[in-house]
Amino acid sequence: MYCSGCGQVLTPGAGVCAQCGRPATMPIPPIPGIAYLVDNYASKIRTLGVFWFVYAGLSLLLGFAKLAFLQAFFAHHFGMWGHGPFMHSPFEQDWFGPAFLHLAWITVLVRTGLALAAGWGLMERARWGRFVALVAAFLNIIHLPFGTALAICTLVLLMGYRNNTLYDQLLQQP
């Protein structure tokens, strides 16, 4: 092997050139250790937990607004729009409106509760937190636009062998 600076023949095992003092090989940058990777992953999981909390609040507020609109719609408070010919369908019954509203309330509360549980589990680094966050992600993936974005981020950060290993390492940290 020859020195890249002066062309002198280097002795095997020499770290520097004896003539010009130039390093014989380029120093290899250190590979980040598992502690660095786990710390980096922990900050991502903490941020994801905060996003689940924000999504829970947003979901609850928007759910209340949507359900207030639906309740007013089914109570015929929209003038001619609430009494038009489309309102006299075979599905218009006395039970349909209240039953639909109850189902919608239950859906909003379950989605909000699941998002809160996912955020709490991820912030606490609980083993069940990863599972709950994945379930919440799969259920919210069709809830455009915020649910879809959060679901994709959750699936990217929590699925796969590498992320499973990092999450397990995260559980072992104090």
N, C-alpha and C. Protein backbone atom coordinates (compact mmCIF):
# COMPACT_ATOMS: atom_id res chain seq x y z
N MET A 1 0.85 -1.15 0.00
CA MET A 1 0.00 0.00 0.00
C MET A 1 0.91 1.23 0.00
N TYR A 2 0.45 2.29 -0.70
CA TYR A 2 1.23 3.51 -0.85
C TYR A 2 0.52 4.68 -0.18
N CYS A 3 1.29 5.65 0.26
CA CYS A 3 0.75 6.86 0.88
C CYS A 3 0.07 7.70 -0.19
N SER A 4 -1.09 8.21 0.13
CA SER A 4 -1.83 9.02 -0.85
C SER A 4 -1.26 10.43 -0.97
N GLY A 5 -0.38 10.83 -0.05
CA GLY A 5 0.19 12.18 -0.09
C GLY A 5 1.52 12.23 -0.81
N CYS A 6 2.47 11.35 -0.41
CA CYS A 6 3.82 11.43 -0.98
C CYS A 6 4.17 10.23 -1.84
N GLY A 7 3.40 9.18 -1.82
CA GLY A 7 3.66 8.01 -2.64
C GLY A 7 4.60 7.01 -2.02
N GLN A 8 5.07 7.24 -0.81
CA GLN A 8 5.99 6.36 -0.10
C GLN A 8 5.29 5.03 0.18
N VAL A 9 6.05 3.94 0.12
CA VAL A 9 5.53 2.63 0.46
C VAL A 9 5.30 2.57 1.97
N LEU A 10 4.10 2.17 2.35
CA LEU A 10 3.74 2.10 3.77
C LEU A 10 4.00 0.70 4.30
N THR A 11 4.47 0.62 5.51
CA THR A 11 4.66 -0.68 6.14
C THR A 11 3.29 -1.19 6.58
N PRO A 12 3.06 -2.48 6.47
CA PRO A 12 1.77 -3.03 6.88
C PRO A 12 1.49 -2.75 8.35
N GLY A 13 0.30 -2.30 8.63
CA GLY A 13 -0.12 -2.02 10.00
C GLY A 13 0.21 -0.62 10.47
N ALA A 14 0.94 0.15 9.66
CA ALA A 14 1.29 1.51 10.07
C ALA A 14 0.07 2.41 9.96
N GLY A 15 -0.16 3.23 10.95
CA GLY A 15 -1.31 4.13 10.95
C GLY A 15 -1.05 5.41 10.19
N VAL A 16 0.22 5.83 10.14
CA VAL A 16 0.58 7.07 9.43
C VAL A 16 1.80 6.80 8.56
N CYS A 17 2.00 7.68 7.59
CA CYS A 17 3.16 7.59 6.70
C CYS A 17 4.39 8.06 7.49
N ALA A 18 5.48 7.30 7.40
CA ALA A 18 6.70 7.65 8.14
C ALA A 18 7.36 8.90 7.56
N GLN A 19 7.11 9.21 6.28
CA GLN A 19 7.77 10.34 5.65
C GLN A 19 6.98 11.65 5.84
N CYS A 20 5.66 11.63 5.54
CA CYS A 20 4.90 12.89 5.58
C CYS A 20 3.92 12.97 6.76
N GLY A 21 3.67 11.89 7.45
CA GLY A 21 2.79 11.90 8.61
C GLY A 21 1.30 11.84 8.29
N ARG A 22 0.96 11.62 7.05
CA ARG A 22 -0.44 11.54 6.64
C ARG A 22 -1.04 10.20 7.11
N PRO A 23 -2.30 10.21 7.57
CA PRO A 23 -2.93 8.94 7.99
C PRO A 23 -3.00 7.96 6.83
N ALA A 24 -2.74 6.71 7.14
CA ALA A 24 -2.71 5.68 6.11
C ALA A 24 -4.10 5.33 5.62
N THR A 25 -5.04 5.31 6.45
CA THR A 25 -6.41 5.00 6.05
C THR A 25 -7.32 6.09 6.57
N MET A 26 -8.42 6.26 5.91
CA MET A 26 -9.39 7.25 6.36
C MET A 26 -10.03 6.73 7.65
N PRO A 27 -10.18 7.61 8.64
CA PRO A 27 -10.81 7.15 9.87
C PRO A 27 -12.29 6.81 9.62
N ILE A 28 -12.70 5.74 10.19
CA ILE A 28 -14.09 5.28 10.05
C ILE A 28 -14.94 6.02 11.07
N PRO A 29 -16.01 6.67 10.59
CA PRO A 29 -16.85 7.39 11.56
C PRO A 29 -17.52 6.40 12.51
N PRO A 30 -17.69 6.80 13.74
CA PRO A 30 -18.29 5.87 14.70
C PRO A 30 -19.75 5.58 14.35
N ILE A 31 -20.14 4.33 14.51
CA ILE A 31 -21.51 3.91 14.27
C ILE A 31 -22.30 4.21 15.54
N PRO A 32 -23.46 4.85 15.38
CA PRO A 32 -24.22 5.16 16.59
C PRO A 32 -24.59 3.89 17.34
N GLY A 33 -24.48 3.96 18.62
CA GLY A 33 -24.79 2.81 19.44
C GLY A 33 -26.29 2.68 19.64
N ILE A 34 -26.65 1.59 20.30
CA ILE A 34 -28.06 1.31 20.53
C ILE A 34 -28.68 2.35 21.46
N ALA A 35 -27.88 2.93 22.35
CA ALA A 35 -28.41 3.95 23.26
C ALA A 35 -28.85 5.18 22.48
N TYR A 36 -28.05 5.58 21.49
CA TYR A 36 -28.43 6.73 20.65
C TYR A 36 -29.71 6.43 19.87
N LEU A 37 -29.80 5.24 19.29
CA LEU A 37 -30.97 4.88 18.51
C LEU A 37 -32.23 4.82 19.38
N VAL A 38 -32.09 4.28 20.59
CA VAL A 38 -33.25 4.20 21.49
C VAL A 38 -33.68 5.58 21.96
N ASP A 39 -32.72 6.45 22.25
CA ASP A 39 -33.07 7.82 22.65
C ASP A 39 -33.77 8.57 21.52
N ASN A 40 -33.28 8.41 20.31
CA ASN A 40 -33.90 9.04 19.14
C ASN A 40 -35.31 8.49 18.94
N TYR A 41 -35.47 7.19 19.07
CA TYR A 41 -36.78 6.55 18.91
C TYR A 41 -37.73 6.98 20.02
N ALA A 42 -37.22 7.15 21.23
CA ALA A 42 -38.04 7.59 22.36
C ALA A 42 -38.62 8.97 22.12
N SER A 43 -37.85 9.87 21.53
CA SER A 43 -38.37 11.20 21.25
C SER A 43 -39.45 11.15 20.17
N LYS A 44 -39.30 10.26 19.21
CA LYS A 44 -40.33 10.10 18.18
C LYS A 44 -41.62 9.53 18.77
N ILE A 45 -41.49 8.57 19.67
CA ILE A 45 -42.66 7.97 20.31
C ILE A 45 -43.36 8.99 21.21
N ARG A 46 -42.59 9.80 21.91
CA ARG A 46 -43.17 10.85 22.76
C ARG A 46 -43.96 11.85 21.90
N THR A 47 -43.40 12.25 20.78
CA THR A 47 -44.08 13.17 19.86
C THR A 47 -45.34 12.53 19.30
N LEU A 48 -45.27 11.25 18.97
CA LEU A 48 -46.44 10.54 18.46
C LEU A 48 -47.54 10.48 19.52
N GLY A 49 -47.17 10.29 20.78
CA GLY A 49 -48.14 10.29 21.86
C GLY A 49 -48.83 11.64 22.00
N VAL A 50 -48.07 12.72 21.86
CA VAL A 50 -48.65 14.06 21.92
C VAL A 50 -49.62 14.27 20.76
N PHE A 51 -49.25 13.79 19.58
CA PHE A 51 -50.15 13.92 18.43
C PHE A 51 -51.45 13.15 18.64
N TRP A 52 -51.37 11.99 19.31
CA TRP A 52 -52.60 11.25 19.59
C TRP A 52 -53.49 12.01 20.57
N PHE A 53 -52.89 12.70 21.54
CA PHE A 53 -53.68 13.53 22.46
C PHE A 53 -54.35 14.69 21.71
N VAL A 54 -53.61 15.34 20.83
CA VAL A 54 -54.17 16.45 20.05
C VAL A 54 -55.29 15.94 19.15
N TYR A 55 -55.08 14.78 18.54
CA TYR A 55 -56.11 14.20 17.67
C TYR A 55 -57.36 13.85 18.47
N ALA A 56 -57.20 13.38 19.69
CA ALA A 56 -58.36 13.06 20.52
C ALA A 56 -59.18 14.31 20.79
N GLY A 57 -58.52 15.41 21.16
CA GLY A 57 -59.24 16.66 21.39
C GLY A 57 -59.91 17.19 20.14
N LEU A 58 -59.20 17.15 19.02
CA LEU A 58 -59.76 17.60 17.76
C LEU A 58 -60.93 16.73 17.33
N SER A 59 -60.81 15.44 17.52
CA SER A 59 -61.88 14.52 17.17
C SER A 59 -63.12 14.78 18.01
N LEU A 60 -62.93 15.05 19.29
CA LEU A 60 -64.06 15.32 20.17
C LEU A 60 -64.75 16.64 19.79
N LEU A 61 -63.97 17.69 19.54
CA LEU A 61 -64.56 18.98 19.17
C LEU A 61 -65.30 18.92 17.84
N LEU A 62 -64.67 18.34 16.84
CA LEU A 62 -65.33 18.23 15.54
C LEU A 62 -66.51 17.27 15.59
N GLY A 63 -66.42 16.24 16.41
CA GLY A 63 -67.55 15.32 16.58
C GLY A 63 -68.75 16.02 17.20
N PHE A 64 -68.51 16.86 18.21
CA PHE A 64 -69.60 17.63 18.80
C PHE A 64 -70.24 18.55 17.77
N ALA A 65 -69.43 19.21 16.95
CA ALA A 65 -69.96 20.12 15.94
C ALA A 65 -70.79 19.36 14.90
N LYS A 66 -70.29 18.23 14.44
CA LYS A 66 -71.01 17.44 13.45
C LYS A 66 -72.33 16.91 14.03
N LEU A 67 -72.29 16.45 15.26
CA LEU A 67 -73.49 15.90 15.85
C LEU A 67 -74.52 16.97 16.18
N ALA A 68 -74.09 18.17 16.51
CA ALA A 68 -75.03 19.27 16.70
C ALA A 68 -75.73 19.60 15.38
N PHE A 69 -74.98 19.59 14.30
CA PHE A 69 -75.58 19.82 12.98
C PHE A 69 -76.57 18.72 12.64
N LEU A 70 -76.20 17.46 12.86
CA LEU A 70 -77.11 16.35 12.56
C LEU A 70 -78.38 16.40 13.42
N GLN A 71 -78.22 16.75 14.67
CA GLN A 71 -79.38 16.83 15.54
C GLN A 71 -80.34 17.91 15.06
N ALA A 72 -79.80 19.04 14.64
CA ALA A 72 -80.66 20.10 14.11
C ALA A 72 -81.29 19.67 12.78
N PHE A 73 -80.55 18.92 11.98
CA PHE A 73 -81.09 18.45 10.71
C PHE A 73 -82.25 17.49 10.91
N PHE A 74 -82.08 16.53 11.83
CA PHE A 74 -83.14 15.57 12.09
C PHE A 74 -84.33 16.20 12.82
N ALA A 75 -84.11 17.32 13.49
CA ALA A 75 -85.21 18.01 14.17
C ALA A 75 -85.91 18.98 13.23
N HIS A 76 -85.53 19.02 11.95
CA HIS A 76 -86.15 19.85 10.91
C HIS A 76 -86.01 21.33 11.23
N HIS A 77 -84.85 21.77 11.64
CA HIS A 77 -84.60 23.18 11.92
C HIS A 77 -83.97 23.90 10.74
N PHE A 78 -84.01 23.33 9.56
CA PHE A 78 -83.39 23.95 8.40
C PHE A 78 -84.41 24.49 7.41
N GLY A 79 -85.57 24.82 7.85
CA GLY A 79 -86.59 25.40 6.98
C GLY A 79 -87.02 24.43 5.91
N MET A 80 -87.06 24.91 4.65
CA MET A 80 -87.53 24.05 3.56
C MET A 80 -86.56 22.90 3.28
N TRP A 81 -85.28 23.07 3.65
CA TRP A 81 -84.33 21.99 3.44
C TRP A 81 -84.62 20.80 4.35
N GLY A 82 -85.20 21.07 5.48
CA GLY A 82 -85.54 19.98 6.39
C GLY A 82 -86.89 19.37 6.12
N HIS A 83 -87.70 19.98 5.22
CA HIS A 83 -89.04 19.46 4.94
C HIS A 83 -89.25 19.18 3.47
N GLY A 84 -88.19 19.07 2.71
CA GLY A 84 -88.31 18.86 1.27
C GLY A 84 -88.77 17.45 0.95
N PRO A 85 -88.91 17.16 -0.34
CA PRO A 85 -89.39 15.83 -0.75
C PRO A 85 -88.42 14.71 -0.41
N PHE A 86 -87.13 15.04 -0.25
CA PHE A 86 -86.16 13.99 0.07
C PHE A 86 -86.30 13.51 1.50
N MET A 87 -87.01 14.25 2.32
CA MET A 87 -87.19 13.84 3.72
C MET A 87 -88.29 12.80 3.88
N HIS A 88 -89.09 12.58 2.84
CA HIS A 88 -90.19 11.62 2.94
C HIS A 88 -89.78 10.32 2.25
N SER A 89 -88.79 9.70 2.77
CA SER A 89 -88.30 8.45 2.21
C SER A 89 -88.79 7.29 3.08
N PRO A 90 -88.67 6.08 2.59
CA PRO A 90 -89.10 4.94 3.42
C PRO A 90 -88.25 4.78 4.68
N PHE A 91 -87.05 5.42 4.71
CA PHE A 91 -86.20 5.30 5.87
C PHE A 91 -86.53 6.33 6.95
N GLU A 92 -87.40 7.29 6.64
CA GLU A 92 -87.75 8.30 7.63
C GLU A 92 -88.77 7.71 8.60
N GLN A 93 -88.29 7.40 9.74
CA GLN A 93 -89.13 6.85 10.79
C GLN A 93 -88.84 7.64 12.06
N ASP A 94 -89.66 7.46 13.06
CA ASP A 94 -89.43 8.15 14.32
C ASP A 94 -88.20 7.61 15.05
N TRP A 95 -87.79 6.41 14.75
CA TRP A 95 -86.66 5.80 15.45
C TRP A 95 -85.34 6.01 14.73
N PHE A 96 -85.37 6.33 13.43
CA PHE A 96 -84.13 6.38 12.66
C PHE A 96 -83.21 7.51 13.11
N GLY A 97 -83.74 8.72 13.24
CA GLY A 97 -82.92 9.86 13.62
C GLY A 97 -82.25 9.69 14.98
N PRO A 98 -83.02 9.40 16.04
CA PRO A 98 -82.39 9.21 17.35
C PRO A 98 -81.42 8.03 17.40
N ALA A 99 -81.77 6.94 16.72
CA ALA A 99 -80.87 5.78 16.72
C ALA A 99 -79.55 6.12 16.01
N PHE A 100 -79.64 6.84 14.89
CA PHE A 100 -78.44 7.23 14.17
C PHE A 100 -77.59 8.18 15.01
N LEU A 101 -78.22 9.11 15.70
CA LEU A 101 -77.48 10.04 16.55
C LEU A 101 -76.80 9.33 17.71
N HIS A 102 -77.48 8.36 18.31
CA HIS A 102 -76.86 7.60 19.40
C HIS A 102 -75.64 6.82 18.91
N LEU A 103 -75.78 6.21 17.75
CA LEU A 103 -74.65 5.48 17.16
C LEU A 103 -73.49 6.43 16.85
N ALA A 104 -73.82 7.61 16.34
CA ALA A 104 -72.77 8.60 16.03
C ALA A 104 -72.09 9.07 17.31
N TRP A 105 -72.84 9.30 18.39
CA TRP A 105 -72.24 9.70 19.66
C TRP A 105 -71.30 8.62 20.18
N ILE A 106 -71.74 7.39 20.10
CA ILE A 106 -70.91 6.28 20.58
C ILE A 106 -69.63 6.19 19.75
N THR A 107 -69.74 6.37 18.45
CA THR A 107 -68.57 6.32 17.58
C THR A 107 -67.57 7.43 17.93
N VAL A 108 -68.06 8.63 18.14
CA VAL A 108 -67.17 9.75 18.48
C VAL A 108 -66.49 9.49 19.82
N LEU A 109 -67.25 9.02 20.80
CA LEU A 109 -66.66 8.78 22.12
C LEU A 109 -65.66 7.62 22.11
N VAL A 110 -65.94 6.57 21.36
CA VAL A 110 -65.01 5.44 21.27
C VAL A 110 -63.73 5.87 20.55
N ARG A 111 -63.87 6.63 19.45
CA ARG A 111 -62.68 7.08 18.72
C ARG A 111 -61.83 8.00 19.60
N THR A 112 -62.48 8.88 20.34
CA THR A 112 -61.75 9.78 21.23
C THR A 112 -61.07 9.01 22.36
N GLY A 113 -61.80 8.08 22.96
CA GLY A 113 -61.22 7.27 24.03
C GLY A 113 -60.04 6.43 23.56
N LEU A 114 -60.17 5.86 22.38
CA LEU A 114 -59.07 5.06 21.82
C LEU A 114 -57.85 5.93 21.53
N ALA A 115 -58.07 7.15 21.02
CA ALA A 115 -56.95 8.06 20.76
C ALA A 115 -56.28 8.48 22.06
N LEU A 116 -57.08 8.76 23.10
CA LEU A 116 -56.51 9.10 24.40
C LEU A 116 -55.71 7.94 24.99
N ALA A 117 -56.24 6.73 24.87
CA ALA A 117 -55.53 5.55 25.37
C ALA A 117 -54.23 5.33 24.60
N ALA A 118 -54.26 5.54 23.28
CA ALA A 118 -53.03 5.39 22.48
C ALA A 118 -51.99 6.42 22.90
N GLY A 119 -52.41 7.66 23.07
CA GLY A 119 -51.48 8.70 23.51
C GLY A 119 -50.91 8.41 24.88
N TRP A 120 -51.75 8.01 25.80
CA TRP A 120 -51.31 7.70 27.16
C TRP A 120 -50.34 6.52 27.17
N GLY A 121 -50.68 5.47 26.45
CA GLY A 121 -49.82 4.28 26.40
C GLY A 121 -48.45 4.57 25.79
N LEU A 122 -48.43 5.40 24.75
CA LEU A 122 -47.15 5.75 24.14
C LEU A 122 -46.33 6.67 25.03
N MET A 123 -46.99 7.60 25.71
CA MET A 123 -46.25 8.50 26.61
C MET A 123 -45.69 7.75 27.81
N GLU A 124 -46.40 6.75 28.28
CA GLU A 124 -45.96 5.96 29.43
C GLU A 124 -45.03 4.82 29.03
N ARG A 125 -44.82 4.64 27.74
CA ARG A 125 -43.98 3.55 27.22
C ARG A 125 -44.48 2.18 27.68
N ALA A 126 -45.77 2.02 27.67
CA ALA A 126 -46.37 0.75 28.11
C ALA A 126 -46.38 -0.24 26.95
N ARG A 127 -46.31 -1.50 27.29
CA ARG A 127 -46.34 -2.54 26.26
C ARG A 127 -47.67 -2.51 25.51
N TRP A 128 -48.77 -2.28 26.25
CA TRP A 128 -50.09 -2.24 25.63
C TRP A 128 -50.27 -0.98 24.79
N GLY A 129 -49.48 0.05 25.04
CA GLY A 129 -49.60 1.31 24.31
C GLY A 129 -49.33 1.14 22.82
N ARG A 130 -48.35 0.32 22.51
CA ARG A 130 -48.04 0.07 21.09
C ARG A 130 -49.21 -0.62 20.40
N PHE A 131 -49.79 -1.62 21.06
CA PHE A 131 -50.92 -2.36 20.49
C PHE A 131 -52.13 -1.45 20.30
N VAL A 132 -52.45 -0.65 21.31
CA VAL A 132 -53.61 0.25 21.23
C VAL A 132 -53.38 1.30 20.14
N ALA A 133 -52.18 1.81 20.03
CA ALA A 133 -51.88 2.80 18.98
C ALA A 133 -52.03 2.18 17.59
N LEU A 134 -51.61 0.94 17.42
CA LEU A 134 -51.77 0.28 16.12
C LEU A 134 -53.25 0.05 15.80
N VAL A 135 -54.03 -0.36 16.79
CA VAL A 135 -55.47 -0.55 16.57
C VAL A 135 -56.12 0.79 16.22
N ALA A 136 -55.77 1.83 16.96
CA ALA A 136 -56.32 3.17 16.68
C ALA A 136 -55.91 3.63 15.28
N ALA A 137 -54.70 3.33 14.87
CA ALA A 137 -54.24 3.73 13.54
C ALA A 137 -55.05 3.01 12.46
N PHE A 138 -55.26 1.72 12.62
CA PHE A 138 -56.02 0.98 11.61
C PHE A 138 -57.47 1.46 11.55
N LEU A 139 -58.06 1.83 12.68
CA LEU A 139 -59.44 2.30 12.68
C LEU A 139 -59.58 3.73 12.16
N ASN A 140 -58.54 4.54 12.27
CA ASN A 140 -58.61 5.94 11.85
C ASN A 140 -58.00 6.20 10.49
N ILE A 141 -57.56 5.17 9.80
CA ILE A 141 -56.87 5.41 8.52
C ILE A 141 -57.81 5.97 7.46
N ILE A 142 -59.11 5.76 7.59
CA ILE A 142 -60.04 6.30 6.60
C ILE A 142 -60.67 7.61 7.07
N HIS A 143 -60.23 8.15 8.19
CA HIS A 143 -60.77 9.39 8.73
C HIS A 143 -59.92 10.55 8.23
N LEU A 144 -60.25 11.02 7.02
CA LEU A 144 -59.46 12.06 6.36
C LEU A 144 -59.60 13.40 7.04
N PRO A 145 -58.66 14.28 6.96
CA PRO A 145 -57.26 14.13 6.58
C PRO A 145 -56.37 13.82 7.77
N PHE A 146 -56.79 14.27 8.98
CA PHE A 146 -55.91 14.15 10.14
C PHE A 146 -55.74 12.70 10.60
N GLY A 147 -56.83 11.95 10.60
CA GLY A 147 -56.75 10.55 11.02
C GLY A 147 -55.85 9.73 10.11
N THR A 148 -55.94 10.00 8.82
CA THR A 148 -55.11 9.27 7.86
C THR A 148 -53.64 9.60 8.05
N ALA A 149 -53.32 10.87 8.21
CA ALA A 149 -51.92 11.27 8.40
C ALA A 149 -51.35 10.69 9.69
N LEU A 150 -52.12 10.76 10.76
CA LEU A 150 -51.66 10.22 12.03
C LEU A 150 -51.55 8.70 11.98
N ALA A 151 -52.47 8.05 11.30
CA ALA A 151 -52.40 6.59 11.16
C ALA A 151 -51.16 6.16 10.39
N ILE A 152 -50.85 6.86 9.31
CA ILE A 152 -49.66 6.51 8.53
C ILE A 152 -48.40 6.71 9.36
N CYS A 153 -48.31 7.84 10.08
CA CYS A 153 -47.14 8.07 10.94
C CYS A 153 -47.02 6.98 12.00
N THR A 154 -48.14 6.61 12.59
CA THR A 154 -48.13 5.58 13.63
C THR A 154 -47.68 4.24 13.06
N LEU A 155 -48.20 3.87 11.91
CA LEU A 155 -47.83 2.59 11.32
C LEU A 155 -46.35 2.57 10.93
N VAL A 156 -45.84 3.68 10.42
CA VAL A 156 -44.42 3.74 10.04
C VAL A 156 -43.53 3.64 11.27
N LEU A 157 -43.92 4.30 12.38
CA LEU A 157 -43.07 4.31 13.57
C LEU A 157 -43.19 3.05 14.42
N LEU A 158 -44.28 2.32 14.32
CA LEU A 158 -44.47 1.19 15.23
C LEU A 158 -44.42 -0.18 14.57
N MET A 159 -44.51 -0.26 13.27
CA MET A 159 -44.50 -1.57 12.62
C MET A 159 -43.11 -1.91 12.12
N GLY A 160 -42.85 -3.18 11.98
CA GLY A 160 -41.58 -3.65 11.46
C GLY A 160 -40.69 -4.20 12.56
N TYR A 161 -39.76 -5.03 12.15
CA TYR A 161 -38.88 -5.70 13.11
C TYR A 161 -37.99 -4.70 13.85
N ARG A 162 -37.40 -3.75 13.10
CA ARG A 162 -36.50 -2.77 13.72
C ARG A 162 -37.24 -1.95 14.77
N ASN A 163 -38.42 -1.45 14.42
CA ASN A 163 -39.18 -0.64 15.36
C ASN A 163 -39.69 -1.46 16.54
N ASN A 164 -40.03 -2.71 16.30
CA ASN A 164 -40.44 -3.59 17.40
C ASN A 164 -39.27 -3.79 18.37
N THR A 165 -38.08 -3.98 17.84
CA THR A 165 -36.90 -4.15 18.68
C THR A 165 -36.59 -2.87 19.46
N LEU A 166 -36.68 -1.73 18.79
CA LEU A 166 -36.43 -0.46 19.48
C LEU A 166 -37.47 -0.20 20.56
N TYR A 167 -38.73 -0.55 20.30
CA TYR A 167 -39.77 -0.34 21.32
C TYR A 167 -39.53 -1.26 22.52
N ASP A 168 -39.09 -2.50 22.25
CA ASP A 168 -38.76 -3.39 23.36
C ASP A 168 -37.58 -2.86 24.16
N GLN A 169 -36.59 -2.28 23.49
CA GLN A 169 -35.46 -1.67 24.20
C GLN A 169 -35.92 -0.45 25.00
N LEU A 170 -36.89 0.26 24.46
CA LEU A 170 -37.45 1.44 25.14
C LEU A 170 -38.16 1.05 26.44
N LEU A 171 -38.77 -0.14 26.42
CA LEU A 171 -39.46 -0.61 27.62
C LEU A 171 -38.49 -0.97 28.73
N GLN A 172 -37.27 -1.34 28.37
CA GLN A 172 -36.28 -1.75 29.37
C GLN A 172 -35.56 -0.56 30.01
N GLN A 173 -35.69 0.64 29.39
CA GLN A 173 -35.06 1.82 29.96
C GLN A 173 -35.88 2.33 31.15
N PRO A 174 -35.21 2.93 32.13
CA PRO A 174 -35.96 3.47 33.27
C PRO A 174 -36.72 4.74 32.92
